[in-house]
Amino acid sequence: MNNSKCVQIYQDNHTVTFTSTKNGGTKGDDKGYSEITDKKIIVEKNKKDLYRYLFQCFDNCE
């Protein structure tokens, strides 16, 4: 799926990490999703409005 986006979400005891990805398509050496580590967002787990960080990560996807 060429136009799909994926954000990875990881939660530990104190933080939530949102990681944007690059969509490499369905064929070739770059197929699938790859992390864009320089656009990773780490926030405190109990921070208000976590959804804003999720939406920001979707905007950062390539």
Protein backbone atom coordinates (compact mmCIF):
# COMPACT_ATOMS: atom_id res chain seq x y z
CA MET A 1 0.00 0.00 0.00
CA ASN A 2 1.82 3.06 -1.24
CA ASN A 3 -0.18 5.71 0.63
CA SER A 4 -0.50 4.03 4.02
CA LYS A 5 1.23 5.31 7.15
CA CYS A 6 2.46 3.57 10.29
CA VAL A 7 3.44 4.95 13.68
CA GLN A 8 5.08 2.70 16.24
CA ILE A 9 3.99 3.20 19.84
CA TYR A 10 5.97 1.89 22.81
CA GLN A 11 5.08 2.41 26.47
CA ASP A 12 7.22 1.68 29.51
CA ASN A 13 6.68 2.56 33.17
CA HIS A 14 7.22 6.30 32.74
CA THR A 15 7.14 7.28 29.06
CA VAL A 16 5.38 6.76 25.75
CA THR A 17 7.47 6.71 22.58
CA PHE A 18 5.98 7.51 19.17
CA THR A 19 8.13 6.68 16.15
CA SER A 20 7.28 7.78 12.61
CA THR A 21 8.06 5.45 9.71
CA LYS A 22 8.88 5.61 6.03
CA ASN A 23 6.72 3.51 3.70
CA GLY A 24 8.94 1.62 1.28
CA GLY A 25 6.03 0.11 -0.64
CA THR A 26 5.47 -3.57 -1.35
CA LYS A 27 8.39 -4.44 -3.62
CA GLY A 28 12.14 -4.03 -3.75
CA ASP A 29 14.88 -3.74 -1.15
CA ASP A 30 13.13 -0.93 0.75
CA LYS A 31 9.71 -2.62 1.02
CA GLY A 32 7.80 -2.35 4.26
CA TYR A 33 8.10 0.28 6.94
CA SER A 34 11.39 1.66 8.32
CA GLU A 35 11.73 3.76 11.45
CA ILE A 36 12.61 7.43 11.13
CA THR A 37 14.55 7.56 14.39
CA ASP A 38 15.39 11.27 14.23
CA LYS A 39 11.65 12.04 14.36
CA LYS A 40 11.00 9.91 17.47
CA ILE A 41 8.91 11.65 20.15
CA ILE A 42 9.26 10.58 23.79
CA VAL A 43 6.83 12.02 26.36
CA GLU A 44 5.87 11.34 29.95
CA LYS A 45 3.16 8.68 30.17
CA ASN A 46 0.77 10.83 32.20
CA LYS A 47 1.11 13.91 29.97
CA LYS A 48 -2.18 15.39 28.78
CA ASP A 49 -3.20 15.26 25.13
CA LEU A 50 -1.03 12.30 24.06
CA TYR A 51 -3.07 12.13 20.87
CA ARG A 52 -1.39 15.33 19.64
CA TYR A 53 1.99 13.58 19.60
CA LEU A 54 0.47 10.65 17.74
CA PHE A 55 -0.97 12.98 15.09
CA GLN A 56 2.37 14.80 14.85
CA CYS A 57 4.10 11.48 14.16
CA PHE A 58 1.59 10.64 11.42
CA ASP A 59 2.40 14.02 9.85
CA ASN A 60 6.13 13.13 10.02
CA CYS A 61 5.67 9.83 8.16
CA GLU A 62 7.14 9.59 4.67
